[in-house]
Amino acid sequence: MGKMGDQEQLIRRHMSSDKFSGKDPLAVLQFLKNFSSACNETRTSEGMALHLLKHFLASPARELFKVYHQVFLRGAEPGRDYI
């Protein structure tokens, strides 16, 4: 397993909750707190955490994150259908 896969497993062991789906919007606060704590405990950099975040999301949150990643982080065209 590569560096990202190893780091993902470390974070997963430190998470106190399952994947975030977005079905309960207020649950994002607890999820982000758990994810942030797990990243801090495993000394995961912010850059790597951003790339690993998708592995801790379930649909429909995962699809929305893909759009965000493509539009804002890769400079893709806003308004284009990415889902």
Protein backbone atom coordinates (compact mmCIF):
# COMPACT_ATOMS: atom_id res chain seq x y z
CA MET A 1 0.00 0.00 0.00
CA GLY A 2 1.28 3.48 -0.83
CA LYS A 3 1.78 6.47 1.43
CA MET A 4 -1.77 7.77 0.90
CA GLY A 5 -3.31 4.34 1.55
CA ASP A 6 -1.26 3.90 4.72
CA GLN A 7 -2.25 7.35 5.94
CA GLU A 8 -5.92 6.66 5.14
CA GLN A 9 -5.83 3.53 7.31
CA LEU A 10 -4.20 5.44 10.17
CA ILE A 11 -6.86 8.12 10.04
CA ARG A 12 -9.64 5.53 9.81
CA ARG A 13 -8.40 3.89 13.04
CA HIS A 14 -8.56 7.26 14.81
CA MET A 15 -12.02 8.23 13.53
CA SER A 16 -14.86 7.87 16.00
CA SER A 17 -17.59 7.90 13.35
CA ASP A 18 -18.46 6.41 9.99
CA LYS A 19 -18.45 8.11 6.62
CA PHE A 20 -20.34 11.36 6.17
CA SER A 21 -23.15 11.22 3.60
CA GLY A 22 -24.68 14.67 3.92
CA LYS A 23 -28.15 13.29 4.63
CA ASP A 24 -28.02 14.97 8.05
CA PRO A 25 -26.42 18.35 7.26
CA LEU A 26 -25.69 19.17 10.91
CA ALA A 27 -23.67 15.96 11.23
CA VAL A 28 -20.96 17.64 9.14
CA LEU A 29 -19.81 19.55 12.21
CA GLN A 30 -19.14 16.39 14.22
CA PHE A 31 -17.65 14.64 11.19
CA LEU A 32 -15.20 17.47 10.50
CA LYS A 33 -14.23 17.62 14.16
CA ASN A 34 -13.54 13.86 14.13
CA PHE A 35 -11.67 14.02 10.82
CA SER A 36 -9.58 16.98 11.94
CA SER A 37 -8.69 15.30 15.25
CA ALA A 38 -7.77 12.07 13.47
CA CYS A 39 -5.55 13.98 11.02
CA ASN A 40 -3.85 15.84 13.86
CA GLU A 41 -3.27 12.64 15.84
CA THR A 42 -1.74 10.92 12.81
CA ARG A 43 0.27 14.00 11.81
CA THR A 44 -1.41 14.16 8.40
CA SER A 45 -0.63 17.36 6.52
CA GLU A 46 -3.51 19.60 5.46
CA GLY A 47 -2.72 18.97 1.81
CA MET A 48 -2.83 15.21 2.20
CA ALA A 49 -5.97 15.44 4.36
CA LEU A 50 -7.77 17.28 1.58
CA HIS A 51 -6.93 14.50 -0.88
CA LEU A 52 -7.89 11.78 1.60
CA LEU A 53 -11.20 13.37 2.57
CA LYS A 54 -13.04 11.74 -0.35
CA HIS A 55 -12.39 8.31 1.19
CA PHE A 56 -14.44 9.30 4.24
CA LEU A 57 -17.48 10.54 2.34
CA ALA A 58 -20.52 8.58 1.14
CA SER A 59 -23.06 9.62 -1.49
CA PRO A 60 -24.35 12.29 -2.01
CA ALA A 61 -21.59 14.17 -0.14
CA ARG A 62 -18.92 12.34 -2.15
CA GLU A 63 -20.35 13.52 -5.49
CA LEU A 64 -20.53 17.12 -4.26
CA PHE A 65 -16.93 16.95 -3.07
CA LYS A 66 -15.85 15.72 -6.53
CA VAL A 67 -17.48 18.77 -8.12
CA TYR A 68 -15.85 21.10 -5.56
CA HIS A 69 -12.47 19.47 -6.16
CA GLN A 70 -12.72 19.76 -9.94
CA VAL A 71 -14.02 23.32 -10.04
CA PHE A 72 -12.13 25.02 -7.23
CA LEU A 73 -8.94 23.03 -6.87
CA ARG A 74 -8.26 22.06 -10.47
CA GLY A 75 -9.67 25.16 -12.14
CA ALA A 76 -12.33 23.38 -14.20
CA GLU A 77 -15.15 25.38 -15.74
CA PRO A 78 -17.95 26.29 -13.33
CA GLY A 79 -21.37 25.51 -14.72
CA ARG A 80 -20.23 22.42 -16.57
CA ASP A 81 -21.94 19.18 -15.50
CA TYR A 82 -19.38 17.17 -13.52
CA ILE A 83 -21.63 14.63 -11.79
